[in-house]
Amino acid sequence: MVRLPRATAVAALAIGLSIAPAVAAQAAGGTCEAYSQNCPQVQGKQFHKATPPTVVLGEHFALPFTGADVALMSLAGGVALGGGTLMIVAGRRRRAAA
């Protein structure tokens, strides 16, 4: 019963030691003095891109066909299911007869 709190303390210490360098680097890095408000400012760049006007080349009233023949796929799936069912039934009949 004593090992659980000790293991928790060891885990907390390991996590604290792994986070400590990152916290120290964040605190030491940078030249901003928070109390005197003497922080450097970064000037952003602005890019302006001229966009050409949109030109419509033609009007289509129907969507392009992107599908497949569903009836043929359904027929092939049905044949596959039927064939698999027949194989299972045939296998069970042979075992029952043996």
N, C-alpha and C. Protein backbone atom coordinates (compact mmCIF):
# COMPACT_ATOMS: atom_id res chain seq x y z
N MET A 1 0.80 -1.19 0.00
CA MET A 1 0.00 0.00 0.00
C MET A 1 0.85 1.26 0.00
N VAL A 2 2.12 1.17 0.40
CA VAL A 2 2.98 2.33 0.46
C VAL A 2 3.54 2.66 -0.92
N ARG A 3 3.58 1.69 -1.83
CA ARG A 3 4.20 1.89 -3.13
C ARG A 3 3.41 2.84 -4.03
N LEU A 4 2.11 2.85 -3.91
CA LEU A 4 1.30 3.68 -4.79
C LEU A 4 1.58 5.16 -4.59
N PRO A 5 1.58 5.69 -3.38
CA PRO A 5 1.91 7.12 -3.23
C PRO A 5 3.35 7.43 -3.64
N ARG A 6 4.27 6.52 -3.39
CA ARG A 6 5.66 6.74 -3.77
C ARG A 6 5.79 6.75 -5.29
N ALA A 7 5.09 5.85 -5.96
CA ALA A 7 5.13 5.83 -7.42
C ALA A 7 4.51 7.09 -8.00
N THR A 8 3.46 7.57 -7.37
CA THR A 8 2.82 8.81 -7.83
C THR A 8 3.77 9.98 -7.66
N ALA A 9 4.49 10.02 -6.55
CA ALA A 9 5.44 11.10 -6.32
C ALA A 9 6.58 11.05 -7.32
N VAL A 10 7.05 9.87 -7.64
CA VAL A 10 8.12 9.72 -8.63
C VAL A 10 7.64 10.16 -10.01
N ALA A 11 6.42 9.79 -10.36
CA ALA A 11 5.87 10.19 -11.66
C ALA A 11 5.70 11.70 -11.74
N ALA A 12 5.20 12.32 -10.67
CA ALA A 12 5.04 13.77 -10.64
C ALA A 12 6.39 14.47 -10.75
N LEU A 13 7.39 13.95 -10.08
CA LEU A 13 8.73 14.53 -10.15
C LEU A 13 9.31 14.42 -11.56
N ALA A 14 9.10 13.26 -12.20
CA ALA A 14 9.61 13.07 -13.56
C ALA A 14 8.93 14.03 -14.54
N ILE A 15 7.63 14.20 -14.39
CA ILE A 15 6.91 15.14 -15.28
C ILE A 15 7.37 16.56 -15.03
N GLY A 16 7.54 16.92 -13.77
CA GLY A 16 8.01 18.27 -13.44
C GLY A 16 9.39 18.55 -14.00
N LEU A 17 10.29 17.56 -13.89
CA LEU A 17 11.64 17.75 -14.42
C LEU A 17 11.67 17.80 -15.94
N SER A 18 10.72 17.12 -16.60
CA SER A 18 10.70 17.18 -18.06
C SER A 18 10.10 18.48 -18.56
N ILE A 19 9.23 19.11 -17.77
CA ILE A 19 8.62 20.37 -18.19
C ILE A 19 9.48 21.56 -17.81
N ALA A 20 10.31 21.45 -16.80
CA ALA A 20 11.09 22.56 -16.28
C ALA A 20 11.95 23.26 -17.34
N PRO A 21 12.68 22.55 -18.21
CA PRO A 21 13.49 23.26 -19.20
C PRO A 21 12.65 24.10 -20.17
N ALA A 22 11.49 23.62 -20.54
CA ALA A 22 10.65 24.39 -21.45
C ALA A 22 10.12 25.65 -20.79
N VAL A 23 9.74 25.54 -19.52
CA VAL A 23 9.25 26.71 -18.79
C VAL A 23 10.37 27.72 -18.61
N ALA A 24 11.56 27.25 -18.30
CA ALA A 24 12.70 28.15 -18.11
C ALA A 24 13.07 28.84 -19.42
N ALA A 25 13.02 28.13 -20.52
CA ALA A 25 13.35 28.72 -21.81
C ALA A 25 12.31 29.76 -22.21
N GLN A 26 11.06 29.50 -21.92
CA GLN A 26 10.01 30.45 -22.24
C GLN A 26 10.15 31.72 -21.39
N ALA A 27 10.50 31.55 -20.14
CA ALA A 27 10.64 32.70 -19.24
C ALA A 27 11.86 33.53 -19.59
N ALA A 28 12.97 32.89 -19.97
CA ALA A 28 14.20 33.61 -20.25
C ALA A 28 14.24 34.16 -21.66
N GLY A 29 13.57 33.51 -22.61
CA GLY A 29 13.64 33.93 -24.00
C GLY A 29 12.85 35.21 -24.24
N GLY A 30 13.33 36.01 -25.16
CA GLY A 30 12.61 37.24 -25.51
C GLY A 30 13.18 38.45 -24.80
N THR A 31 12.93 39.62 -25.34
CA THR A 31 13.45 40.85 -24.76
C THR A 31 12.34 41.72 -24.22
N CYS A 32 11.18 41.17 -24.01
CA CYS A 32 10.04 41.95 -23.55
C CYS A 32 10.11 42.11 -22.04
N GLU A 33 10.05 43.34 -21.58
CA GLU A 33 9.96 43.60 -20.15
C GLU A 33 8.50 43.90 -19.86
N ALA A 34 7.82 42.98 -19.25
CA ALA A 34 6.38 43.06 -19.10
C ALA A 34 5.94 44.25 -18.26
N TYR A 35 6.73 44.65 -17.25
CA TYR A 35 6.29 45.72 -16.37
C TYR A 35 6.49 47.10 -16.99
N SER A 36 7.48 47.26 -17.86
CA SER A 36 7.71 48.57 -18.47
C SER A 36 7.06 48.70 -19.83
N GLN A 37 6.41 47.66 -20.30
CA GLN A 37 5.75 47.65 -21.62
C GLN A 37 6.73 47.99 -22.74
N ASN A 38 7.98 47.55 -22.59
CA ASN A 38 9.02 47.81 -23.57
C ASN A 38 9.20 46.57 -24.44
N CYS A 39 8.18 46.22 -25.23
CA CYS A 39 8.22 45.00 -26.03
C CYS A 39 8.37 45.36 -27.50
N PRO A 40 9.17 44.59 -28.24
CA PRO A 40 9.32 44.85 -29.68
C PRO A 40 8.04 44.46 -30.42
N GLN A 41 7.77 45.17 -31.48
CA GLN A 41 6.60 44.90 -32.31
C GLN A 41 7.05 44.40 -33.68
N VAL A 42 6.34 43.45 -34.22
CA VAL A 42 6.65 42.91 -35.53
C VAL A 42 5.74 43.57 -36.55
N GLN A 43 6.35 44.10 -37.59
CA GLN A 43 5.57 44.73 -38.65
C GLN A 43 5.19 43.67 -39.67
N GLY A 44 3.92 43.51 -39.92
CA GLY A 44 3.46 42.51 -40.87
C GLY A 44 3.53 43.03 -42.30
N LYS A 45 3.64 42.14 -43.24
CA LYS A 45 3.65 42.51 -44.66
C LYS A 45 2.28 42.26 -45.23
N GLN A 46 1.88 43.11 -46.14
CA GLN A 46 0.60 42.95 -46.80
C GLN A 46 0.86 42.68 -48.27
N PHE A 47 0.21 41.65 -48.78
CA PHE A 47 0.34 41.29 -50.18
C PHE A 47 -1.01 41.50 -50.86
N HIS A 48 -0.98 42.15 -51.99
CA HIS A 48 -2.20 42.38 -52.76
C HIS A 48 -2.05 41.67 -54.10
N LYS A 49 -2.98 40.80 -54.37
CA LYS A 49 -2.94 40.05 -55.62
C LYS A 49 -4.15 40.46 -56.45
N ALA A 50 -3.88 40.86 -57.66
CA ALA A 50 -4.96 41.23 -58.55
C ALA A 50 -5.63 39.97 -59.08
N THR A 51 -6.93 39.89 -58.90
CA THR A 51 -7.66 38.71 -59.37
C THR A 51 -8.36 39.04 -60.68
N PRO A 52 -8.17 38.19 -61.68
CA PRO A 52 -8.85 38.43 -62.95
C PRO A 52 -10.35 38.17 -62.80
N PRO A 53 -11.16 38.83 -63.59
CA PRO A 53 -12.61 38.58 -63.49
C PRO A 53 -12.96 37.17 -63.95
N THR A 54 -13.99 36.62 -63.35
CA THR A 54 -14.44 35.27 -63.69
C THR A 54 -15.21 35.31 -64.99
N VAL A 55 -14.86 34.40 -65.90
CA VAL A 55 -15.52 34.33 -67.19
C VAL A 55 -16.23 32.99 -67.31
N VAL A 56 -17.50 33.01 -67.61
CA VAL A 56 -18.27 31.79 -67.81
C VAL A 56 -18.20 31.43 -69.28
N LEU A 57 -17.68 30.22 -69.58
CA LEU A 57 -17.50 29.81 -70.96
C LEU A 57 -18.76 29.20 -71.56
N GLY A 58 -19.62 28.70 -70.76
CA GLY A 58 -20.84 28.09 -71.26
C GLY A 58 -21.72 27.68 -70.11
N GLU A 59 -22.94 27.35 -70.41
CA GLU A 59 -23.86 26.94 -69.36
C GLU A 59 -24.25 25.49 -69.60
N HIS A 60 -24.16 24.69 -68.56
CA HIS A 60 -24.55 23.28 -68.62
C HIS A 60 -25.75 23.11 -67.72
N PHE A 61 -26.78 22.47 -68.23
CA PHE A 61 -27.97 22.26 -67.44
C PHE A 61 -28.04 20.87 -66.85
N ALA A 62 -27.12 19.99 -67.20
CA ALA A 62 -27.11 18.63 -66.69
C ALA A 62 -25.76 18.34 -66.04
N LEU A 63 -25.78 17.57 -64.99
CA LEU A 63 -24.54 17.17 -64.34
C LEU A 63 -23.86 16.07 -65.14
N PRO A 64 -22.54 16.00 -65.12
CA PRO A 64 -21.86 14.92 -65.82
C PRO A 64 -22.11 13.58 -65.14
N PHE A 65 -22.10 12.52 -65.91
CA PHE A 65 -22.31 11.17 -65.38
C PHE A 65 -21.01 10.67 -64.78
N THR A 66 -21.01 10.44 -63.48
CA THR A 66 -19.80 9.96 -62.81
C THR A 66 -20.01 8.64 -62.10
N GLY A 67 -21.16 8.04 -62.26
CA GLY A 67 -21.47 6.80 -61.55
C GLY A 67 -21.13 5.57 -62.37
N ALA A 68 -21.69 4.46 -61.96
CA ALA A 68 -21.48 3.19 -62.64
C ALA A 68 -22.84 2.52 -62.82
N ASP A 69 -22.86 1.43 -63.54
CA ASP A 69 -24.09 0.70 -63.76
C ASP A 69 -24.41 -0.10 -62.50
N VAL A 70 -25.32 0.40 -61.69
CA VAL A 70 -25.63 -0.20 -60.40
C VAL A 70 -26.36 -1.53 -60.58
N ALA A 71 -27.17 -1.64 -61.60
CA ALA A 71 -27.92 -2.89 -61.80
C ALA A 71 -26.98 -4.06 -62.04
N LEU A 72 -25.95 -3.85 -62.84
CA LEU A 72 -25.00 -4.92 -63.13
C LEU A 72 -24.22 -5.31 -61.87
N MET A 73 -23.82 -4.31 -61.07
CA MET A 73 -23.10 -4.62 -59.82
C MET A 73 -24.01 -5.35 -58.84
N SER A 74 -25.27 -4.96 -58.76
CA SER A 74 -26.21 -5.63 -57.87
C SER A 74 -26.42 -7.08 -58.29
N LEU A 75 -26.50 -7.32 -59.58
CA LEU A 75 -26.66 -8.68 -60.08
C LEU A 75 -25.44 -9.53 -59.73
N ALA A 76 -24.24 -8.96 -59.92
CA ALA A 76 -23.01 -9.71 -59.60
C ALA A 76 -22.94 -9.99 -58.10
N GLY A 77 -23.34 -9.03 -57.26
CA GLY A 77 -23.34 -9.25 -55.81
C GLY A 77 -24.33 -10.33 -55.40
N GLY A 78 -25.51 -10.32 -56.02
CA GLY A 78 -26.50 -11.34 -55.73
C GLY A 78 -26.03 -12.73 -56.11
N VAL A 79 -25.38 -12.84 -57.28
CA VAL A 79 -24.83 -14.12 -57.71
C VAL A 79 -23.75 -14.60 -56.74
N ALA A 80 -22.91 -13.68 -56.27
CA ALA A 80 -21.85 -14.06 -55.33
C ALA A 80 -22.44 -14.52 -54.00
N LEU A 81 -23.47 -13.83 -53.51
CA LEU A 81 -24.12 -14.26 -52.27
C LEU A 81 -24.80 -15.62 -52.43
N GLY A 82 -25.47 -15.80 -53.54
CA GLY A 82 -26.12 -17.09 -53.79
C GLY A 82 -25.12 -18.22 -53.89
N GLY A 83 -24.02 -17.99 -54.61
CA GLY A 83 -22.98 -19.03 -54.73
C GLY A 83 -22.36 -19.36 -53.39
N GLY A 84 -22.11 -18.35 -52.56
CA GLY A 84 -21.54 -18.59 -51.24
C GLY A 84 -22.49 -19.38 -50.35
N THR A 85 -23.78 -19.04 -50.43
CA THR A 85 -24.78 -19.77 -49.65
C THR A 85 -24.84 -21.22 -50.08
N LEU A 86 -24.80 -21.46 -51.38
CA LEU A 86 -24.82 -22.85 -51.87
C LEU A 86 -23.60 -23.63 -51.40
N MET A 87 -22.44 -23.01 -51.37
CA MET A 87 -21.23 -23.69 -50.91
C MET A 87 -21.32 -24.05 -49.43
N ILE A 88 -21.87 -23.14 -48.62
CA ILE A 88 -22.01 -23.43 -47.19
C ILE A 88 -22.99 -24.57 -46.96
N VAL A 89 -24.12 -24.54 -47.68
CA VAL A 89 -25.12 -25.61 -47.53
C VAL A 89 -24.56 -26.94 -47.96
N ALA A 90 -23.82 -26.94 -49.08
CA ALA A 90 -23.22 -28.20 -49.56
C ALA A 90 -22.20 -28.73 -48.57
N GLY A 91 -21.42 -27.88 -47.95
CA GLY A 91 -20.44 -28.31 -46.96
C GLY A 91 -21.09 -28.88 -45.72
N ARG A 92 -22.19 -28.31 -45.29
CA ARG A 92 -22.88 -28.81 -44.11
C ARG A 92 -23.55 -30.14 -44.39
N ARG A 93 -24.07 -30.34 -45.59
CA ARG A 93 -24.72 -31.60 -45.93
C ARG A 93 -23.71 -32.74 -45.96
N ARG A 94 -22.48 -32.47 -46.43
CA ARG A 94 -21.46 -33.51 -46.48
C ARG A 94 -21.05 -33.92 -45.08
N ARG A 95 -20.96 -32.95 -44.15
CA ARG A 95 -20.58 -33.28 -42.78
C ARG A 95 -21.68 -34.08 -42.09
N ALA A 96 -22.93 -33.71 -42.37
CA ALA A 96 -24.05 -34.41 -41.72
C ALA A 96 -24.16 -35.83 -42.23
N ALA A 97 -23.84 -36.06 -43.50
CA ALA A 97 -23.93 -37.40 -44.09
C ALA A 97 -22.78 -38.28 -43.61
N ALA A 98 -21.67 -37.70 -43.24
CA ALA A 98 -20.48 -38.50 -42.88
C ALA A 98 -20.55 -39.08 -41.52
